[in-house]
Protein backbone atom coordinates (compact mmCIF):
# COMPACT_ATOMS: atom_id res chain seq x y z
CA UNK A 1 -9.73 39.93 -1.26
CA UNK A 2 -10.31 38.62 2.20
CA UNK A 3 -12.46 35.83 0.91
CA UNK A 4 -9.75 34.66 -1.58
CA UNK A 5 -7.21 34.69 1.27
CA UNK A 6 -9.51 32.53 3.48
CA UNK A 7 -10.15 30.25 0.92
CA UNK A 8 -6.58 29.67 -0.01
CA UNK A 9 -5.80 29.15 3.64
CA UNK A 10 -8.50 26.57 3.82
CA UNK A 11 -7.04 24.81 0.80
CA UNK A 12 -3.69 24.60 2.32
CA UNK A 13 -5.02 23.35 5.73
CA UNK A 14 -7.20 20.69 4.18
CA UNK A 15 -4.24 19.69 1.93
CA UNK A 16 -2.21 19.39 4.93
CA UNK A 17 -4.56 17.42 6.98
CA UNK A 18 -4.93 14.76 4.01
CA UNK A 19 -1.23 14.48 3.42
CA UNK A 20 0.69 11.39 4.26
CA UNK A 21 4.11 10.92 5.43
CA UNK A 22 6.15 8.44 3.27
CA UNK A 23 6.79 5.51 5.57
CA UNK A 24 9.09 3.64 3.23
CA UNK A 25 10.19 3.01 -0.36
CA UNK A 26 11.44 -0.13 -2.10
CA UNK A 27 10.17 -2.95 -4.16
CA UNK A 28 6.78 -4.61 -4.26
CA UNK A 29 5.86 -7.97 -5.29
CA UNK A 30 2.67 -9.81 -5.42
CA UNK A 31 1.28 -13.31 -3.93
CA UNK A 32 1.17 -16.06 -6.22
CA UNK A 33 -2.34 -17.88 -6.79
CA UNK A 34 -0.90 -20.99 -5.28
CA UNK A 35 -1.40 -19.23 -1.72
CA UNK A 36 -4.91 -18.66 -2.23
CA UNK A 37 -6.64 -20.10 1.18
CA UNK A 38 -3.55 -20.37 3.18
CA UNK A 39 -3.35 -18.73 6.43
CA UNK A 40 -1.41 -15.60 6.97
CA UNK A 41 0.77 -14.89 9.95
CA UNK A 42 -2.33 -12.94 11.36
CA UNK A 43 -4.65 -16.00 11.01
CA UNK A 44 -6.70 -14.90 8.19
CA UNK A 45 -6.88 -16.69 4.92
CA UNK A 46 -5.23 -15.19 1.96
CA UNK A 47 -7.76 -14.19 -0.52
CA UNK A 48 -6.56 -12.79 -4.01
CA UNK A 49 -9.49 -10.50 -4.31
CA UNK A 50 -9.05 -8.79 -1.08
CA UNK A 51 -6.90 -5.72 -0.58
CA UNK A 52 -4.22 -7.06 1.76
CA UNK A 53 -0.52 -7.13 2.12
CA UNK A 54 2.41 -8.57 3.94
CA UNK A 55 5.08 -6.37 5.57
CA UNK A 56 7.82 -7.21 8.00
CA UNK A 57 7.06 -4.81 10.89
CA UNK A 58 3.86 -2.95 10.59
CA UNK A 59 1.29 -4.22 13.10
CA UNK A 60 -1.51 -6.40 11.72
CA UNK A 61 -4.64 -4.27 10.78
CA UNK A 62 -2.53 -1.37 9.94
CA UNK A 63 -3.76 0.38 6.72
CA UNK A 64 -1.13 1.48 4.08
CA UNK A 65 -1.39 3.39 0.75
CA UNK A 66 1.01 1.99 -1.82
CA UNK A 67 1.95 4.02 -4.68
CA UNK A 68 3.49 2.50 -7.94
CA UNK A 69 6.20 5.16 -8.56
CA UNK A 70 6.36 4.12 -12.26
CA UNK A 71 2.91 5.14 -13.23
CA UNK A 72 1.48 7.12 -10.13
CA UNK A 73 -1.25 4.62 -9.33
CA UNK A 74 -2.14 3.89 -5.75
CA UNK A 75 -4.10 1.18 -3.75
CA UNK A 76 -5.01 1.20 0.00
CA UNK A 77 -4.37 -2.42 1.72
CA UNK A 78 -4.46 -3.83 5.01
CA UNK A 79 -1.35 -5.57 6.66
CA UNK A 80 -2.36 -9.03 7.52
CA UNK A 81 0.76 -11.03 6.83
CA UNK A 82 4.63 -11.06 7.50
CA UNK A 83 7.13 -10.84 4.64
CA UNK A 84 8.57 -10.36 1.89
CA UNK A 85 11.70 -12.34 2.71
CA UNK A 86 13.61 -11.27 -0.26
CA UNK A 87 16.11 -8.60 0.24
CA UNK A 88 15.28 -5.47 -1.24
CA UNK A 89 11.46 -5.99 -1.25
CA UNK A 90 9.35 -3.99 1.38
CA UNK A 91 5.87 -5.38 0.72
CA UNK A 92 4.01 -8.25 -0.74
CA UNK A 93 0.60 -7.48 -2.19
CA UNK A 94 -2.45 -9.32 -2.79
CA UNK A 95 -3.22 -9.86 -6.52
CA UNK A 96 -6.13 -7.57 -6.46
CA UNK A 97 -3.78 -4.76 -4.92
CA UNK A 98 -1.34 -5.71 -7.56
CA UNK A 99 -4.00 -5.38 -10.46
CA UNK A 100 -4.91 -1.93 -9.12
CA UNK A 101 -1.32 -0.85 -9.45
CA UNK A 102 -1.23 -2.30 -13.03
CA UNK A 103 1.86 -4.32 -12.05
CA UNK A 104 0.90 -7.73 -12.91
CA UNK A 105 2.81 -7.73 -16.03
CA UNK A 106 5.90 -6.36 -14.19
CA UNK A 107 5.89 -8.44 -11.38
CA UNK A 108 7.98 -6.34 -9.07
CA UNK A 109 7.76 -2.42 -9.12
CA UNK A 110 9.13 0.41 -7.17
CA UNK A 111 6.65 1.79 -4.56
CA UNK A 112 6.28 4.04 -1.82
CA UNK A 113 4.33 3.12 1.34
CA UNK A 114 2.41 5.71 3.48
CA UNK A 115 0.64 4.79 6.82
CA UNK A 116 -2.80 5.88 6.85
CA UNK A 117 -3.67 7.35 10.13
């Protein structure tokens, strides 16, 4: 009985350690192919195949888990640009990140952002 209690407590502890607080909810879009090779606000070139994103306030280099609320798929991206500058949108994703979220066909989806610490 004691082993079961200890195992249950350990499971709760580890799930809390890996829990992420929701930072923001809103709409996500993704970069058009025409921006390939353009400089981002951080000075890096935009590469559609990398897992990167633009956010208005998060510091460059911050890693964020983005979850598509329609299908539950998630992707981890690095913030390396500023934007989006369209009302209601909270993040612009690279094409690779959008593909992992299965949002290419939709173009814009509701997401949840969690900062990875």
